[in-house]
Amino acid sequence: MDMKQHYQLTLYSQMGPREGCLFLHRDGDGSVWGTLSLAGYDNPVRGAWDGAGVLTLTHSLRTAVGDHACRSVLHLEGEELRGTAELDGYRMKWFGTPMTEEQTEESSRE
């Protein structure tokens, strides 16, 4: 079973909020993979949902100055995703909401 999930995300970084999209494919066993589009870069993600609504992802965050290894832990609260990204000793907050079909189609055309 391959289930798709799409979220509009905001990363609250030291440089200010950064808007992006998270596109996930989810297997029946809870494993996930997909793409995090942020700051003009597409970053592959891998991870897993646990049974309690926690999504843990490992991924890179590409910026103008390089690639940074990152671990994000997101909690599903209703339909919202909230959590933290940890990289290079920093913690930043994530906030996300599900994308509508229309938003998903617009993002895939860009």
Protein backbone atom coordinates (compact mmCIF):
# COMPACT_ATOMS: atom_id res chain seq x y z
CA MET A 1 0.00 0.00 0.00
CA ASP A 2 1.51 3.32 -1.11
CA MET A 3 -0.21 6.31 0.48
CA LYS A 4 0.71 9.87 -0.54
CA GLN A 5 0.74 12.79 1.87
CA HIS A 6 1.50 16.41 0.97
CA TYR A 7 2.12 19.21 3.46
CA GLN A 8 2.73 22.95 3.21
CA LEU A 9 5.55 23.58 5.73
CA THR A 10 7.23 26.55 7.36
CA LEU A 11 10.70 26.24 8.88
CA TYR A 12 11.40 28.96 11.44
CA SER A 13 15.14 29.44 10.91
CA GLN A 14 17.63 32.00 12.22
CA MET A 15 17.23 33.75 8.85
CA GLY A 16 13.45 34.03 9.27
CA PRO A 17 10.57 31.77 8.20
CA ARG A 18 11.12 29.61 5.11
CA GLU A 19 8.11 28.25 3.24
CA GLY A 20 8.23 24.83 1.62
CA CYS A 21 6.42 21.61 0.75
CA LEU A 22 6.82 18.05 1.99
CA PHE A 23 5.74 15.27 -0.37
CA LEU A 24 5.67 11.83 1.26
CA HIS A 25 4.98 8.28 0.16
CA ARG A 26 4.02 5.98 3.02
CA ASP A 27 4.15 2.17 3.10
CA GLY A 28 1.85 0.03 5.22
CA ASP A 29 4.72 -0.61 7.66
CA GLY A 30 5.06 3.13 8.41
CA SER A 31 8.22 3.76 6.39
CA VAL A 32 8.21 6.98 4.37
CA TRP A 33 10.26 8.57 1.59
CA GLY A 34 9.82 11.62 -0.53
CA THR A 35 10.96 15.19 -1.12
CA LEU A 36 11.23 18.30 1.00
CA SER A 37 11.18 21.39 -1.24
CA LEU A 38 12.56 24.35 0.67
CA ALA A 39 14.40 27.56 -0.25
CA GLY A 40 14.48 26.60 -3.93
CA TYR A 41 16.01 23.16 -3.35
CA ASP A 42 14.53 19.65 -3.43
CA ASN A 43 15.90 17.49 -0.61
CA PRO A 44 15.25 13.72 -0.53
CA VAL A 45 13.82 12.50 2.80
CA ARG A 46 13.52 9.06 4.42
CA GLY A 47 12.01 8.06 7.71
CA ALA A 48 9.10 6.48 9.52
CA TRP A 49 5.78 7.15 11.22
CA ASP A 50 5.46 5.45 14.59
CA GLY A 51 2.14 4.25 15.97
CA ALA A 52 1.62 7.43 18.02
CA GLY A 53 1.61 10.02 15.19
CA VAL A 54 5.33 10.89 15.31
CA LEU A 55 7.19 11.26 12.01
CA THR A 56 10.99 11.07 12.16
CA LEU A 57 12.89 12.06 9.00
CA THR A 58 16.54 12.12 8.03
CA HIS A 59 17.44 14.42 5.18
CA SER A 60 19.74 17.13 3.95
CA LEU A 61 18.88 20.80 3.99
CA ARG A 62 20.55 22.39 1.00
CA THR A 63 21.24 26.11 1.21
CA ALA A 64 23.26 28.59 -0.81
CA VAL A 65 26.30 27.78 1.37
CA GLY A 66 26.09 23.97 1.31
CA ASP A 67 24.35 20.77 2.35
CA HIS A 68 23.57 20.15 6.02
CA ALA A 69 22.64 16.78 7.49
CA CYS A 70 19.34 17.15 9.35
CA ARG A 71 17.00 15.13 11.53
CA SER A 72 13.40 16.30 11.83
CA VAL A 73 10.89 15.01 14.37
CA LEU A 74 7.30 16.02 13.62
CA HIS A 75 4.16 15.32 15.63
CA LEU A 76 0.77 15.03 13.98
CA GLU A 77 -1.71 17.12 16.02
CA GLY A 78 -5.10 16.81 14.34
CA GLU A 79 -4.14 17.59 10.74
CA GLU A 80 -1.19 19.84 11.64
CA LEU A 81 2.47 18.83 11.77
CA ARG A 82 4.60 20.47 14.45
CA GLY A 83 8.13 19.67 15.44
CA THR A 84 11.81 20.46 15.25
CA ALA A 85 14.66 20.21 12.80
CA GLU A 86 18.10 19.54 14.28
CA LEU A 87 21.23 20.39 12.30
CA ASP A 88 24.73 21.58 13.09
CA GLY A 89 23.82 21.91 16.78
CA TYR A 90 20.79 24.12 16.06
CA ARG A 91 17.11 23.39 16.64
CA MET A 92 14.47 25.06 14.50
CA LYS A 93 10.69 24.75 14.60
CA TRP A 94 8.51 23.25 11.85
CA PHE A 95 4.82 23.92 11.31
CA GLY A 96 2.79 22.32 8.53
CA THR A 97 -0.71 21.76 7.22
CA PRO A 98 -2.04 19.35 4.59
CA MET A 99 -2.04 20.70 1.06
CA THR A 100 -5.23 20.79 -0.95
CA GLU A 101 -5.35 18.96 -4.29
CA GLU A 102 -5.16 22.33 -6.03
CA GLN A 103 -2.00 23.34 -4.08
CA THR A 104 -0.42 19.97 -4.84
CA GLU A 105 -1.09 20.35 -8.57
CA GLU A 106 0.34 23.90 -8.57
CA SER A 107 3.52 22.72 -6.81
CA SER A 108 4.06 19.87 -9.25
CA ARG A 109 3.89 22.32 -12.19
CA GLU A 110 6.56 24.67 -10.77
